[in-house]
Protein backbone atom coordinates (compact mmCIF):
# COMPACT_ATOMS: atom_id res chain seq x y z
CA UNK A 1 -42.25 -86.43 198.48
CA UNK A 2 -42.58 -82.64 198.79
CA UNK A 3 -43.46 -80.84 201.95
CA UNK A 4 -46.65 -79.54 200.35
CA UNK A 5 -47.69 -83.22 199.20
CA UNK A 6 -46.79 -84.54 202.70
CA UNK A 7 -48.94 -81.81 204.40
CA UNK A 8 -51.85 -82.34 201.85
CA UNK A 9 -51.68 -86.20 202.38
CA UNK A 10 -52.03 -85.75 206.13
CA UNK A 11 -55.50 -84.42 205.57
CA UNK A 12 -57.09 -87.21 203.25
CA UNK A 13 -56.50 -90.17 205.29
CA UNK A 14 -59.83 -90.31 206.97
CA UNK A 15 -61.56 -91.19 203.67
CA UNK A 16 -59.84 -94.65 203.23
CA UNK A 17 -62.87 -96.35 204.81
CA UNK A 18 -66.38 -95.80 203.50
CA UNK A 19 -68.68 -93.94 205.73
CA UNK A 20 -70.75 -96.22 207.90
CA UNK A 21 -73.28 -93.78 209.20
CA UNK A 22 -74.27 -90.43 207.87
CA UNK A 23 -74.76 -87.58 210.18
CA UNK A 24 -74.45 -84.88 207.33
CA UNK A 25 -77.19 -82.52 208.40
CA UNK A 26 -78.65 -79.88 206.13
CA UNK A 27 -76.39 -77.68 203.84
CA UNK A 28 -76.51 -74.16 205.33
CA UNK A 29 -78.25 -71.53 203.36
CA UNK A 30 -76.43 -68.64 204.94
CA UNK A 31 -72.83 -69.19 203.82
CA UNK A 32 -70.97 -66.92 201.29
CA UNK A 33 -69.30 -63.54 201.50
CA UNK A 34 -71.45 -60.57 202.34
CA UNK A 35 -69.76 -57.08 202.57
CA UNK A 36 -66.38 -58.72 202.57
CA UNK A 37 -67.31 -60.98 205.58
CA UNK A 38 -67.91 -64.52 205.89
CA UNK A 39 -70.85 -65.78 208.09
CA UNK A 40 -69.92 -65.38 211.83
CA UNK A 41 -69.44 -68.54 213.91
CA UNK A 42 -72.32 -69.69 216.15
CA UNK A 43 -71.84 -69.64 219.71
CA UNK A 44 -70.85 -73.27 219.87
CA UNK A 45 -67.24 -74.06 219.97
CA UNK A 46 -67.18 -76.23 216.76
CA UNK A 47 -66.29 -73.41 214.37
CA UNK A 48 -63.12 -71.25 213.65
CA UNK A 49 -63.05 -68.05 211.57
CA UNK A 50 -60.25 -65.65 210.71
CA UNK A 51 -62.94 -62.91 210.96
CA UNK A 52 -63.90 -63.82 214.62
CA UNK A 53 -62.54 -61.67 217.43
CA UNK A 54 -63.29 -63.88 220.23
CA UNK A 55 -60.66 -66.44 221.44
CA UNK A 56 -62.85 -69.54 221.13
CA UNK A 57 -63.37 -69.23 217.41
CA UNK A 58 -60.59 -66.99 216.26
CA UNK A 59 -57.78 -68.34 213.72
CA UNK A 60 -55.25 -66.47 211.71
CA UNK A 61 -56.14 -65.91 207.88
CA UNK A 62 -53.79 -67.29 205.29
CA UNK A 63 -51.28 -64.83 203.94
CA UNK A 64 -49.25 -64.86 200.72
CA UNK A 65 -46.60 -62.96 198.71
CA UNK A 66 -47.50 -64.03 195.34
CA UNK A 67 -50.52 -62.79 193.22
CA UNK A 68 -53.99 -63.24 194.43
CA UNK A 69 -54.92 -65.58 191.60
CA UNK A 70 -51.93 -67.69 191.95
CA UNK A 71 -52.56 -68.04 195.83
CA UNK A 72 -56.31 -68.82 195.27
CA UNK A 73 -55.39 -71.44 192.55
CA UNK A 74 -52.85 -72.96 194.86
CA UNK A 75 -55.37 -73.22 197.69
CA UNK A 76 -58.02 -74.73 195.26
CA UNK A 77 -55.41 -77.30 194.13
CA UNK A 78 -54.64 -78.38 197.83
CA UNK A 79 -58.40 -78.75 198.46
CA UNK A 80 -59.06 -80.79 195.27
CA UNK A 81 -56.38 -83.28 196.21
CA UNK A 82 -57.98 -84.07 199.64
CA UNK A 83 -60.04 -87.31 199.39
CA UNK A 84 -62.49 -86.24 202.12
CA UNK A 85 -63.29 -82.86 200.62
CA UNK A 86 -65.74 -81.88 198.00
CA UNK A 87 -65.61 -78.49 196.45
CA UNK A 88 -69.22 -77.17 196.17
CA UNK A 89 -68.74 -73.72 194.81
CA UNK A 90 -66.09 -71.49 193.50
CA UNK A 91 -66.57 -67.89 192.25
CA UNK A 92 -64.52 -64.75 192.04
CA UNK A 93 -62.48 -64.88 195.25
CA UNK A 94 -64.65 -67.42 197.05
CA UNK A 95 -64.39 -71.27 197.70
CA UNK A 96 -66.73 -73.38 199.58
CA UNK A 97 -65.97 -77.02 200.26
CA UNK A 98 -67.64 -79.82 202.32
CA UNK A 99 -65.42 -82.17 204.45
CA UNK A 100 -66.94 -85.34 205.44
CA UNK A 101 -65.59 -87.63 208.25
CA UNK A 102 -64.97 -91.20 207.42
CA UNK A 103 -66.83 -93.21 210.18
CA UNK A 104 -69.94 -91.19 211.05
CA UNK A 105 -70.20 -89.06 207.96
CA UNK A 106 -70.30 -85.68 209.82
CA UNK A 107 -69.86 -82.82 207.38
CA UNK A 108 -67.99 -79.66 208.09
CA UNK A 109 -68.50 -76.54 205.96
CA UNK A 110 -65.41 -74.83 205.00
CA UNK A 111 -65.22 -71.40 203.37
CA UNK A 112 -62.23 -69.35 201.86
CA UNK A 113 -62.48 -65.59 200.80
CA UNK A 114 -59.58 -64.19 199.09
CA UNK A 115 -58.82 -60.46 199.72
CA UNK A 116 -56.14 -59.79 197.27
CA UNK A 117 -55.61 -56.13 198.13
CA UNK A 118 -54.39 -57.29 201.44
CA UNK A 119 -52.86 -60.46 200.22
CA UNK A 120 -55.02 -62.50 202.73
CA UNK A 121 -57.39 -65.49 202.43
CA UNK A 122 -59.97 -65.49 205.23
CA UNK A 123 -61.17 -68.89 206.39
CA UNK A 124 -64.18 -70.20 208.19
CA UNK A 125 -64.56 -73.95 209.16
CA UNK A 126 -67.66 -75.09 210.94
CA UNK A 127 -69.46 -78.37 211.94
CA UNK A 128 -72.94 -78.72 210.94
CA UNK A 129 -73.87 -80.81 213.97
CA UNK A 130 -72.96 -81.14 217.53
CA UNK A 131 -71.57 -78.88 220.02
CA UNK A 132 -67.86 -79.80 220.15
CA UNK A 133 -65.50 -80.85 217.46
CA UNK A 134 -62.64 -81.89 219.54
CA UNK A 135 -60.50 -79.15 217.69
CA UNK A 136 -61.11 -80.87 214.34
CA UNK A 137 -61.99 -77.65 212.41
CA UNK A 138 -58.97 -75.76 213.87
CA UNK A 139 -56.80 -78.72 213.11
CA UNK A 140 -57.84 -79.10 209.52
CA UNK A 141 -57.33 -75.34 208.80
CA UNK A 142 -53.91 -75.60 210.21
CA UNK A 143 -53.12 -78.59 207.95
CA UNK A 144 -54.39 -76.85 204.88
CA UNK A 145 -52.32 -73.63 205.93
CA UNK A 146 -49.26 -75.91 206.25
CA UNK A 147 -49.73 -77.32 202.71
CA UNK A 148 -50.54 -73.65 201.35
CA UNK A 149 -47.38 -72.21 202.91
CA UNK A 150 -45.12 -75.15 201.76
CA UNK A 151 -46.37 -74.47 198.11
CA UNK A 152 -45.66 -70.96 198.19
CA UNK A 153 -43.53 -70.14 195.11
CA UNK A 154 -40.31 -68.10 195.75
CA UNK A 155 -41.13 -64.40 195.02
CA UNK A 156 -38.33 -62.02 194.04
């Protein structure tokens, strides 16, 4: 199994059992890219964003060496293969997906914004409900990053 497939499969294991409860909450109406920025994280610690400056919420953006189109398609392919993810919207350089936990049906909103001029994909991952996510959003982003980096084509 390739490193990219192994990293991606680590993300989908939660969906093997159907959700018993559903704590999905309402889909936010403030998501998307405005003036090159994703929505800021709320004050609660259950969100990470590559555009956040504070230590609680900050996470590194994804970077790439290939073309912006190739990188964004690679990211989309990774998300599409995750059993607990559903892509809600893709347009231009933006992707929005919902991730649902297996047991309780909690939904997290995950957004990606591709900035091809800087060869960077910004990310925001936030829980809809609750105060703490026990690091789940940060862990998810890092696992997606590992799959993304493992699938980076050789350039040059």
